[in-house]
Amino acid sequence: MKAGSTDRRDFIRYPTNRVVGTVADAAKTGEVVDALLRAGFSREDIDILHGEEDLHRLDPTGAEHGFLAQFHRTLISTLDLEEFRHLKHHVEDVRAGRYVIMILTKRRLLRVVAADILHQHGAEFVGFYGRWACEELPAAPQTTPENIPALFARAWNARDANALAALFEDDAEFVNVTGLCWHDRESIRRGHASGDFDKSTLTTGHTKVKLLSPDVAVVYSQMTVSCDEPAGAAEHPGPHTTIVSFVVHRTGSRWLCAMAHNTDVLPTAAPSVLDAADAIGLTGYPSDRAS
């Protein structure tokens, strides 16, 4: 079974801008292709490599050693030996009779969808090959609008800026408590890695989800911020409350954040908070900031 071109001349010198994964059998491969087509991928953008004939497609000379040598030279020049290991593994998969599926994905949003589909059907060694480097795409935690705040807090408390940024789409917006704006996923990652990320712990409280459509939702979560260093000095305040709002949308089987806004709750105000009746209204409650 083949998807896309199978011309022996249609070699793949390097799987640039492709999500790649290995599937064990033909039945699973067919399920992956069907799911990709339903998700809107073009058949011409899907390559399936299986057996000796397709192994030769990886090099215009038809020699596996030529394929590996080309990659080896490239990888030595970039010192990216991890990439070589992954590519060599895919060659071994084809040689062993497994099915290596390559999906052309130039946009990150499509990359996430393709990786999710591969993982849903039991694919192994799923990764994305860019122009200069490869990136592993492990199975993401199942996200729902309701658990976005908990995943955000978990990443924060683990000091894992990469995991936190992974909750956001590539061109997401984030406004922090000081009004500083980050305008894409990478700046969100850098902003949290270099800020007070390593000085406090988040605990999620009441969360409310408002569905705007089956695929778009607004999520409000009340969180408690606790400093890991003792309170007392002005630079180390005690626990305080913040409201984090997220605009999320469905991408494949996952929900990603398009926008987030973190708002500190002032102790002297009667703030709008999430009450026990699942409503947002004015509530006067004691200051939760240490004085």
C-alpha atoms as a PDB file:
ATOM      1  CA  MET A   1       0.000   0.000   0.000  1.00  0.00           C
ATOM      2  CA  LYS A   2       1.322   3.438  -0.894  1.00  0.00           C
ATOM      3  CA  ALA A   3       0.115   6.986  -0.426  1.00  0.00           C
ATOM      4  CA  GLY A   4       1.574   9.696  -2.593  1.00  0.00           C
ATOM      5  CA  SER A   5       4.138   9.068  -5.290  1.00  0.00           C
ATOM      6  CA  THR A   6       5.912   5.705  -5.452  1.00  0.00           C
ATOM      7  CA  ASP A   7       8.194   6.520  -8.405  1.00  0.00           C
ATOM      8  CA  ARG A   8      11.646   5.084  -7.715  1.00  0.00           C
ATOM      9  CA  ARG A   9      13.044   8.412  -8.896  1.00  0.00           C
ATOM     10  CA  ASP A  10      11.039  10.181  -6.197  1.00  0.00           C
ATOM     11  CA  PHE A  11      13.757   9.695  -3.599  1.00  0.00           C
ATOM     12  CA  ILE A  12      13.728  11.368  -0.192  1.00  0.00           C
ATOM     13  CA  ARG A  13      17.128  12.892   0.390  1.00  0.00           C
ATOM     14  CA  TYR A  14      16.014  14.285   3.752  1.00  0.00           C
ATOM     15  CA  PRO A  15      12.545  14.339   5.382  1.00  0.00           C
ATOM     16  CA  THR A  16      12.431  18.134   5.724  1.00  0.00           C
ATOM     17  CA  ASN A  17       9.233  19.552   7.283  1.00  0.00           C
ATOM     18  CA  ARG A  18       7.873  16.075   7.890  1.00  0.00           C
ATOM     19  CA  VAL A  19       6.374  14.392  10.917  1.00  0.00           C
ATOM     20  CA  VAL A  20       7.673  10.817  10.927  1.00  0.00           C
ATOM     21  CA  GLY A  21       6.571   7.754  12.883  1.00  0.00           C
ATOM     22  CA  THR A  22       6.785   3.956  12.730  1.00  0.00           C
ATOM     23  CA  VAL A  23       3.718   1.710  12.643  1.00  0.00           C
ATOM     24  CA  ALA A  24       3.982  -2.052  13.021  1.00  0.00           C
ATOM     25  CA  ASP A  25       1.486  -3.401  10.484  1.00  0.00           C
ATOM     26  CA  ALA A  26      -0.476  -2.612   7.330  1.00  0.00           C
ATOM     27  CA  ALA A  27      -3.845  -2.416   9.083  1.00  0.00           C
ATOM     28  CA  LYS A  28      -2.668   0.300  11.487  1.00  0.00           C
ATOM     29  CA  THR A  29      -1.012   2.101   8.591  1.00  0.00           C
ATOM     30  CA  GLY A  30      -4.317   2.190   6.730  1.00  0.00           C
ATOM     31  CA  GLU A  31      -6.051   3.586   9.817  1.00  0.00           C
ATOM     32  CA  VAL A  32      -3.428   6.327  10.114  1.00  0.00           C
ATOM     33  CA  VAL A  33      -3.806   7.307   6.452  1.00  0.00           C
ATOM     34  CA  ASP A  34      -7.605   7.400   6.738  1.00  0.00           C
ATOM     35  CA  ALA A  35      -7.382   9.580   9.857  1.00  0.00           C
ATOM     36  CA  LEU A  36      -4.905  11.929   8.178  1.00  0.00           C
ATOM     37  CA  LEU A  37      -7.168  12.315   5.135  1.00  0.00           C
ATOM     38  CA  ARG A  38     -10.177  13.022   7.367  1.00  0.00           C
ATOM     39  CA  ALA A  39      -8.103  15.661   9.155  1.00  0.00           C
ATOM     40  CA  GLY A  40      -7.526  17.453   5.844  1.00  0.00           C
ATOM     41  CA  PHE A  41      -4.055  16.279   4.834  1.00  0.00           C
ATOM     42  CA  SER A  42      -3.457  15.759   1.120  1.00  0.00           C
ATOM     43  CA  ARG A  43      -2.659  12.237  -0.069  1.00  0.00           C
ATOM     44  CA  GLU A  44       0.306  13.681  -1.958  1.00  0.00           C
ATOM     45  CA  ASP A  45       1.772  14.839   1.366  1.00  0.00           C
ATOM     46  CA  ILE A  46       1.772  11.343   2.886  1.00  0.00           C
ATOM     47  CA  ASP A  47       4.626   8.912   2.196  1.00  0.00           C
ATOM     48  CA  ILE A  48       4.738   5.330   3.427  1.00  0.00           C
ATOM     49  CA  LEU A  49       8.052   3.490   3.354  1.00  0.00           C
ATOM     50  CA  HIS A  50       7.997  -0.300   3.643  1.00  0.00           C
ATOM     51  CA  GLY A  51      10.409  -2.939   2.404  1.00  0.00           C
ATOM     52  CA  GLU A  52      13.573  -2.939   0.334  1.00  0.00           C
ATOM     53  CA  GLU A  53      12.137  -1.024  -2.623  1.00  0.00           C
ATOM     54  CA  ASP A  54      11.168   1.929  -0.470  1.00  0.00           C
ATOM     55  CA  LEU A  55      14.434   1.738   1.429  1.00  0.00           C
ATOM     56  CA  HIS A  56      16.137   2.670  -1.841  1.00  0.00           C
ATOM     57  CA  ARG A  57      13.860   5.701  -2.175  1.00  0.00           C
ATOM     58  CA  LEU A  58      15.815   7.278   0.638  1.00  0.00           C
ATOM     59  CA  ASP A  59      18.804   7.769  -1.663  1.00  0.00           C
ATOM     60  CA  PRO A  60      18.935   8.572  -5.403  1.00  0.00           C
ATOM     61  CA  THR A  61      21.761   6.043  -5.876  1.00  0.00           C
ATOM     62  CA  GLY A  62      19.683   3.242  -4.369  1.00  0.00           C
ATOM     63  CA  ALA A  63      22.330   2.490  -1.742  1.00  0.00           C
ATOM     64  CA  GLU A  64      21.469   2.528   1.921  1.00  0.00           C
ATOM     65  CA  HIS A  65      25.038   3.356   2.826  1.00  0.00           C
ATOM     66  CA  GLY A  66      24.788   6.372   0.541  1.00  0.00           C
ATOM     67  CA  PHE A  67      21.702   7.552   2.413  1.00  0.00           C
ATOM     68  CA  LEU A  68      23.399   7.172   5.773  1.00  0.00           C
ATOM     69  CA  ALA A  69      26.601   8.726   4.525  1.00  0.00           C
ATOM     70  CA  GLN A  70      24.740  11.817   3.315  1.00  0.00           C
ATOM     71  CA  PHE A  71      23.109  12.241   6.695  1.00  0.00           C
ATOM     72  CA  HIS A  72      26.335  11.510   8.490  1.00  0.00           C
ATOM     73  CA  ARG A  73      28.145  14.270   6.622  1.00  0.00           C
ATOM     74  CA  THR A  74      25.307  16.697   7.333  1.00  0.00           C
ATOM     75  CA  LEU A  75      25.175  15.766  10.984  1.00  0.00           C
ATOM     76  CA  ILE A  76      28.909  15.980  11.501  1.00  0.00           C
ATOM     77  CA  SER A  77      28.835  19.508  10.064  1.00  0.00           C
ATOM     78  CA  THR A  78      26.065  20.505  12.505  1.00  0.00           C
ATOM     79  CA  LEU A  79      27.252  18.316  15.408  1.00  0.00           C
ATOM     80  CA  ASP A  80      23.697  16.991  15.758  1.00  0.00           C
ATOM     81  CA  LEU A  81      24.347  13.299  16.451  1.00  0.00           C
ATOM     82  CA  GLU A  82      20.908  12.813  18.067  1.00  0.00           C
ATOM     83  CA  GLU A  83      19.285  13.544  14.711  1.00  0.00           C
ATOM     84  CA  PHE A  84      21.442  10.913  12.993  1.00  0.00           C
ATOM     85  CA  ARG A  85      20.393   8.334  15.574  1.00  0.00           C
ATOM     86  CA  HIS A  86      16.699   8.928  14.866  1.00  0.00           C
ATOM     87  CA  LEU A  87      17.093   8.799  11.100  1.00  0.00           C
ATOM     88  CA  LYS A  88      19.182   5.638  11.272  1.00  0.00           C
ATOM     89  CA  HIS A  89      16.455   4.096  13.415  1.00  0.00           C
ATOM     90  CA  HIS A  90      13.842   4.765  10.710  1.00  0.00           C
ATOM     91  CA  VAL A  91      16.050   3.054   8.122  1.00  0.00           C
ATOM     92  CA  GLU A  92      16.274   0.028  10.406  1.00  0.00           C
ATOM     93  CA  ASP A  93      12.460   0.056  10.795  1.00  0.00           C
ATOM     94  CA  VAL A  94      11.977  -0.097   7.031  1.00  0.00           C
ATOM     95  CA  ARG A  95      14.552  -2.844   6.718  1.00  0.00           C
ATOM     96  CA  ALA A  96      12.769  -4.830   9.468  1.00  0.00           C
ATOM     97  CA  GLY A  97       9.459  -4.744   7.572  1.00  0.00           C
ATOM     98  CA  ARG A  98       7.724  -2.079   9.616  1.00  0.00           C
ATOM     99  CA  TYR A  99       5.949   0.924   8.084  1.00  0.00           C
ATOM    100  CA  VAL A 100       7.524   4.368   8.338  1.00  0.00           C
ATOM    101  CA  ILE A 101       4.970   7.122   7.701  1.00  0.00           C
ATOM    102  CA  MET A 102       6.127  10.604   6.685  1.00  0.00           C
ATOM    103  CA  ILE A 103       3.669  13.516   6.595  1.00  0.00           C
ATOM    104  CA  LEU A 104       4.614  16.852   5.055  1.00  0.00           C
ATOM    105  CA  THR A 105       3.649  19.554   7.602  1.00  0.00           C
ATOM    106  CA  LYS A 106       4.976  23.076   7.149  1.00  0.00           C
ATOM    107  CA  ARG A 107       2.798  24.630   9.869  1.00  0.00           C
ATOM    108  CA  ARG A 108       3.199  23.816  13.532  1.00  0.00           C
ATOM    109  CA  LEU A 109      -0.548  23.430  14.006  1.00  0.00           C
ATOM    110  CA  LEU A 110      -0.590  20.638  11.396  1.00  0.00           C
ATOM    111  CA  ARG A 111       2.504  19.133  13.008  1.00  0.00           C
ATOM    112  CA  VAL A 112       0.584  18.733  16.284  1.00  0.00           C
ATOM    113  CA  VAL A 113      -2.405  17.154  14.504  1.00  0.00           C
ATOM    114  CA  ALA A 114      -0.231  14.698  12.548  1.00  0.00           C
ATOM    115  CA  ALA A 115       1.697  13.653  15.661  1.00  0.00           C
ATOM    116  CA  ASP A 116      -1.535  13.171  17.621  1.00  0.00           C
ATOM    117  CA  ILE A 117      -2.935  10.917  14.880  1.00  0.00           C
ATOM    118  CA  LEU A 118       0.220   8.812  14.818  1.00  0.00           C
ATOM    119  CA  HIS A 119       0.201   8.419  18.595  1.00  0.00           C
ATOM    120  CA  GLN A 120      -3.510   7.559  18.648  1.00  0.00           C
ATOM    121  CA  HIS A 121      -2.770   4.593  16.367  1.00  0.00           C
ATOM    122  CA  GLY A 122       0.187   3.270  18.321  1.00  0.00           C
ATOM    123  CA  ALA A 123       3.048   4.781  16.309  1.00  0.00           C
ATOM    124  CA  GLU A 124       6.532   4.758  17.798  1.00  0.00           C
ATOM    125  CA  PHE A 125       9.534   7.085  17.428  1.00  0.00           C
ATOM    126  CA  VAL A 126       7.356  10.029  16.391  1.00  0.00           C
ATOM    127  CA  GLY A 127       9.334  13.152  15.552  1.00  0.00           C
ATOM    128  CA  PHE A 128       9.472  16.230  13.361  1.00  0.00           C
ATOM    129  CA  TYR A 129      12.354  16.886  10.980  1.00  0.00           C
ATOM    130  CA  GLY A 130      12.980  20.548  10.268  1.00  0.00           C
ATOM    131  CA  ARG A 131      15.521  22.002   7.910  1.00  0.00           C
ATOM    132  CA  TRP A 132      18.380  21.870  10.402  1.00  0.00           C
ATOM    133  CA  ALA A 133      17.270  19.734  13.319  1.00  0.00           C
ATOM    134  CA  CYS A 134      14.813  17.130  14.515  1.00  0.00           C
ATOM    135  CA  GLU A 135      12.428  17.301  17.452  1.00  0.00           C
ATOM    136  CA  GLU A 136      10.890  14.390  19.298  1.00  0.00           C
ATOM    137  CA  LEU A 137       7.102  14.610  19.520  1.00  0.00           C
ATOM    138  CA  PRO A 138       6.113  12.444  22.494  1.00  0.00           C
ATOM    139  CA  ALA A 139       2.495  11.658  23.175  1.00  0.00           C
ATOM    140  CA  ALA A 140       1.037  14.768  24.752  1.00  0.00           C
ATOM    141  CA  PRO A 141      -1.082  14.593  27.899  1.00  0.00           C
ATOM    142  CA  GLN A 142      -4.756  14.515  27.057  1.00  0.00           C
ATOM    143  CA  THR A 143      -5.843  18.126  27.402  1.00  0.00           C
ATOM    144  CA  THR A 144      -9.347  19.355  27.999  1.00  0.00           C
ATOM    145  CA  PRO A 145     -10.442  22.914  28.757  1.00  0.00           C
ATOM    146  CA  GLU A 146     -10.964  21.842  32.370  1.00  0.00           C
ATOM    147  CA  ASN A 147      -7.448  20.515  32.943  1.00  0.00           C
ATOM    148  CA  ILE A 148      -5.490  23.300  31.200  1.00  0.00           C
ATOM    149  CA  PRO A 149      -5.040  25.244  34.495  1.00  0.00           C
ATOM    150  CA  ALA A 150      -3.822  22.122  36.319  1.00  0.00           C
ATOM    151  CA  LEU A 151      -1.330  21.339  33.541  1.00  0.00           C
ATOM    152  CA  PHE A 152      -0.182  24.966  33.598  1.00  0.00           C
ATOM    153  CA  ALA A 153       0.371  24.791  37.376  1.00  0.00           C
ATOM    154  CA  ARG A 154       2.124  21.424  37.102  1.00  0.00           C
ATOM    155  CA  ALA A 155       4.585  22.771  34.544  1.00  0.00           C
ATOM    156  CA  TRP A 156       5.113  25.912  36.626  1.00  0.00           C
ATOM    157  CA  ASN A 157       5.820  23.921  39.798  1.00  0.00           C
ATOM    158  CA  ALA A 158       8.185  21.576  37.924  1.00  0.00           C
ATOM    159  CA  ARG A 159      10.117  24.639  36.625  1.00  0.00           C
ATOM    160  CA  ASP A 160       9.533  23.207  33.148  1.00  0.00           C
ATOM    161  CA  ALA A 161       9.212  26.150  30.764  1.00  0.00           C
ATOM    162  CA  ASN A 162       9.098  23.785  27.786  1.00  0.00           C
ATOM    163  CA  ALA A 163       6.085  21.888  29.156  1.00  0.00           C
ATOM    164  CA  LEU A 164       4.345  25.154  29.987  1.00  0.00           C
ATOM    165  CA  ALA A 165       4.941  26.569  26.510  1.00  0.00           C
ATOM    166  CA  ALA A 166       3.732  23.309  24.949  1.00  0.00           C
ATOM    167  CA  LEU A 167       0.225  24.175  26.178  1.00  0.00           C
ATOM    168  CA  PHE A 168       0.192  27.139  23.772  1.00  0.00           C
ATOM    169  CA  GLU A 169      -0.110  27.342  20.027  1.00  0.00           C
ATOM    170  CA  ASP A 170       2.761  28.789  18.033  1.00  0.00           C
ATOM    171  CA  ASP A 171       1.384  32.358  17.732  1.00  0.00           C
ATOM    172  CA  ALA A 172      -0.296  32.503  21.147  1.00  0.00           C
ATOM    173  CA  GLU A 173      -0.508  35.661  23.258  1.00  0.00           C
ATOM    174  CA  PHE A 174       0.243  35.844  26.982  1.00  0.00           C
ATOM    175  CA  VAL A 175      -0.193  38.867  29.271  1.00  0.00           C
ATOM    176  CA  ASN A 176       1.444  38.441  32.681  1.00  0.00           C
ATOM    177  CA  VAL A 177       0.518  40.113  35.985  1.00  0.00           C
ATOM    178  CA  THR A 178       2.692  43.156  35.274  1.00  0.00           C
ATOM    179  CA  GLY A 179       1.116  43.751  31.859  1.00  0.00           C
ATOM    180  CA  LEU A 180       4.102  42.392  29.957  1.00  0.00           C
ATOM    181  CA  CYS A 181       2.970  40.790  26.687  1.00  0.00           C
ATOM    182  CA  TRP A 182       4.548  37.771  25.015  1.00  0.00           C
ATOM    183  CA  HIS A 183       3.479  37.314  21.418  1.00  0.00           C
ATOM    184  CA  ASP A 184       4.384  33.729  20.514  1.00  0.00           C
ATOM    185  CA  ARG A 185       5.082  30.333  22.028  1.00  0.00           C
ATOM    186  CA  GLU A 186       8.847  30.770  22.133  1.00  0.00           C
ATOM    187  CA  SER A 187       8.658  34.143  23.889  1.00  0.00           C
ATOM    188  CA  ILE A 188       6.210  32.617  26.394  1.00  0.00           C
ATOM    189  CA  ARG A 189       8.754  29.887  27.063  1.00  0.00           C
ATOM    190  CA  ARG A 190      11.649  32.328  27.447  1.00  0.00           C
ATOM    191  CA  GLY A 191       9.584  34.704  29.596  1.00  0.00           C
ATOM    192  CA  HIS A 192       8.690  32.034  32.106  1.00  0.00           C
ATOM    193  CA  ALA A 193      12.160  30.502  32.105  1.00  0.00           C
ATOM    194  CA  SER A 194      13.761  33.827  32.995  1.00  0.00           C
ATOM    195  CA  GLY A 195      11.161  35.283  35.385  1.00  0.00           C
ATOM    196  CA  ASP A 196      10.048  34.332  38.915  1.00  0.00           C
ATOM    197  CA  PHE A 197       9.300  30.861  37.600  1.00  0.00           C
ATOM    198  CA  ASP A 198      11.694  29.271  40.082  1.00  0.00           C
ATOM    199  CA  LYS A 199      10.618  31.263  43.144  1.00  0.00           C
ATOM    200  CA  SER A 200       6.969  30.314  43.637  1.00  0.00           C
ATOM    201  CA  THR A 201       4.439  27.492  43.593  1.00  0.00           C
ATOM    202  CA  LEU A 202       0.965  27.558  42.039  1.00  0.00           C
ATOM    203  CA  THR A 203      -2.065  25.817  43.506  1.00  0.00           C
ATOM    204  CA  THR A 204      -5.220  25.747  41.395  1.00  0.00           C
ATOM    205  CA  GLY A 205      -8.555  26.585  42.968  1.00  0.00           C
ATOM    206  CA  HIS A 206     -12.003  26.984  41.479  1.00  0.00           C
ATOM    207  CA  THR A 207     -12.122  26.761  37.666  1.00  0.00           C
ATOM    208  CA  LYS A 208     -14.922  27.740  35.305  1.00  0.00           C
ATOM    209  CA  VAL A 209     -15.204  26.799  31.623  1.00  0.00           C
ATOM    210  CA  LYS A 210     -17.440  28.660  29.178  1.00  0.00           C
ATOM    211  CA  LEU A 211     -17.774  26.969  25.790  1.00  0.00           C
ATOM    212  CA  LEU A 212     -18.092  29.494  22.981  1.00  0.00           C
ATOM    213  CA  SER A 213     -18.398  26.724  20.386  1.00  0.00           C
ATOM    214  CA  PRO A 214     -17.646  22.979  20.337  1.00  0.00           C
ATOM    215  CA  ASP A 215     -14.005  23.828  19.581  1.00  0.00           C
ATOM    216  CA  VAL A 216     -13.434  27.118  21.453  1.00  0.00           C
ATOM    217  CA  ALA A 217     -13.678  27.839  25.173  1.00  0.00           C
ATOM    218  CA  VAL A 218     -12.753  30.450  27.769  1.00  0.00           C
ATOM    219  CA  VAL A 219     -11.321  29.073  31.018  1.00  0.00           C
ATOM    220  CA  TYR A 220     -11.010  31.048  34.276  1.00  0.00           C
ATOM    221  CA  SER A 221      -9.021  29.602  37.159  1.00  0.00           C
ATOM    222  CA  GLN A 222      -8.373  30.993  40.614  1.00  0.00           C
ATOM    223  CA  MET A 223      -4.829  30.151  41.711  1.00  0.00           C
ATOM    224  CA  THR A 224      -2.822  30.651  44.878  1.00  0.00           C
ATOM    225  CA  VAL A 225       0.769  31.781  44.433  1.00  0.00           C
ATOM    226  CA  SER A 226       3.066  30.765  47.281  1.00  0.00           C
ATOM    227  CA  CYS A 227       6.675  31.897  47.474  1.00  0.00           C
ATOM    228  CA  ASP A 228       9.154  29.104  48.098  1.00  0.00           C
ATOM    229  CA  GLU A 229      11.215  31.424  50.305  1.00  0.00           C
ATOM    230  CA  PRO A 230       9.973  32.512  53.754  1.00  0.00           C
ATOM    231  CA  ALA A 231       7.621  35.472  53.910  1.00  0.00           C
ATOM    232  CA  GLY A 232       8.537  38.584  55.807  1.00  0.00           C
ATOM    233  CA  ALA A 233      10.854  40.624  53.637  1.00  0.00           C
ATOM    234  CA  ALA A 234       9.209  42.910  51.113  1.00  0.00           C
ATOM    235  CA  GLU A 235      10.685  40.950  48.239  1.00  0.00           C
ATOM    236  CA  HIS A 236       9.197  37.696  49.549  1.00  0.00           C
ATOM    237  CA  PRO A 237       5.444  38.233  50.048  1.00  0.00           C
ATOM    238  CA  GLY A 238       3.242  35.508  51.433  1.00  0.00           C
ATOM    239  CA  PRO A 239       0.615  33.568  49.461  1.00  0.00           C
ATOM    240  CA  HIS A 240      -1.677  35.617  47.271  1.00  0.00           C
ATOM    241  CA  THR A 241      -4.443  34.998  44.752  1.00  0.00           C
ATOM    242  CA  THR A 242      -4.384  35.406  41.007  1.00  0.00           C
ATOM    243  CA  ILE A 243      -6.972  34.804  38.307  1.00  0.00           C
ATOM    244  CA  VAL A 244      -5.605  33.222  35.133  1.00  0.00           C
ATOM    245  CA  SER A 245      -7.852  33.243  32.073  1.00  0.00           C
ATOM    246  CA  PHE A 246      -7.219  31.100  29.000  1.00  0.00           C
ATOM    247  CA  VAL A 247      -8.773  31.134  25.529  1.00  0.00           C
ATOM    248  CA  VAL A 248      -8.401  27.575  24.241  1.00  0.00           C
ATOM    249  CA  HIS A 249      -9.350  25.759  21.061  1.00  0.00           C
ATOM    250  CA  ARG A 250      -9.439  22.154  19.926  1.00  0.00           C
ATOM    251  CA  THR A 251      -6.619  20.908  17.670  1.00  0.00           C
ATOM    252  CA  GLY A 252      -7.081  17.280  16.751  1.00  0.00           C
ATOM    253  CA  SER A 253      -7.587  15.464  20.052  1.00  0.00           C
ATOM    254  CA  ARG A 254      -5.901  18.216  22.077  1.00  0.00           C
ATOM    255  CA  TRP A 255      -6.824  21.665  23.308  1.00  0.00           C
ATOM    256  CA  LEU A 256      -4.230  24.431  22.919  1.00  0.00           C
ATOM    257  CA  CYS A 257      -4.158  27.923  24.400  1.00  0.00           C
ATOM    258  CA  ALA A 258      -4.492  30.797  21.952  1.00  0.00           C
ATOM    259  CA  MET A 259      -4.325  33.440  24.671  1.00  0.00           C
ATOM    260  CA  ALA A 260      -3.787  33.710  28.423  1.00  0.00           C
ATOM    261  CA  HIS A 261      -4.014  36.600  30.871  1.00  0.00           C
ATOM    262  CA  ASN A 262      -2.742  36.520  34.461  1.00  0.00           C
ATOM    263  CA  THR A 263      -4.364  39.049  36.832  1.00  0.00           C
ATOM    264  CA  ASP A 264      -3.307  39.590  40.440  1.00  0.00           C
ATOM    265  CA  VAL A 265      -6.104  39.967  42.988  1.00  0.00           C
ATOM    266  CA  LEU A 266      -5.516  43.034  45.157  1.00  0.00           C
ATOM    267  CA  PRO A 267      -6.155  42.473  48.877  1.00  0.00           C
ATOM    268  CA  THR A 268      -7.903  45.829  49.388  1.00  0.00           C
ATOM    269  CA  ALA A 269     -10.392  45.390  46.522  1.00  0.00           C
ATOM    270  CA  ALA A 270     -13.657  43.521  46.275  1.00  0.00           C
ATOM    271  CA  PRO A 271     -12.603  41.553  43.228  1.00  0.00           C
ATOM    272  CA  SER A 272     -14.586  39.587  40.703  1.00  0.00           C
ATOM    273  CA  VAL A 273     -13.845  35.978  41.570  1.00  0.00           C
ATOM    274  CA  LEU A 274     -15.262  32.562  40.891  1.00  0.00           C
ATOM    275  CA  ASP A 275     -17.767  31.757  43.584  1.00  0.00           C
ATOM    276  CA  ALA A 276     -19.079  28.430  44.826  1.00  0.00           C
ATOM    277  CA  ALA A 277     -22.186  28.735  42.657  1.00  0.00           C
ATOM    278  CA  ASP A 278     -20.038  28.570  39.502  1.00  0.00           C
ATOM    279  CA  ALA A 279     -20.714  32.228  38.808  1.00  0.00           C
ATOM    280  CA  ILE A 280     -18.425  35.205  38.472  1.00  0.00           C
ATOM    281  CA  GLY A 281     -19.418  38.072  40.739  1.00  0.00           C
ATOM    282  CA  LEU A 282     -18.241  40.528  43.349  1.00  0.00           C
ATOM    283  CA  THR A 283     -17.126  38.869  46.524  1.00  0.00           C
ATOM    284  CA  GLY A 284     -15.516  40.496  49.521  1.00  0.00           C
ATOM    285  CA  TYR A 285     -13.207  38.092  51.224  1.00  0.00           C
ATOM    286  CA  PRO A 286     -10.292  38.591  53.634  1.00  0.00           C
ATOM    287  CA  SER A 287      -6.944  39.611  52.277  1.00  0.00           C
ATOM    288  CA  ASP A 288      -4.852  36.633  51.324  1.00  0.00           C
ATOM    289  CA  ARG A 289      -1.663  38.655  51.062  1.00  0.00           C
ATOM    290  CA  ALA A 290       0.680  38.694  54.004  1.00  0.00           C
ATOM    291  CA  SER A 291       1.078  42.193  55.356  1.00  0.00           C
END
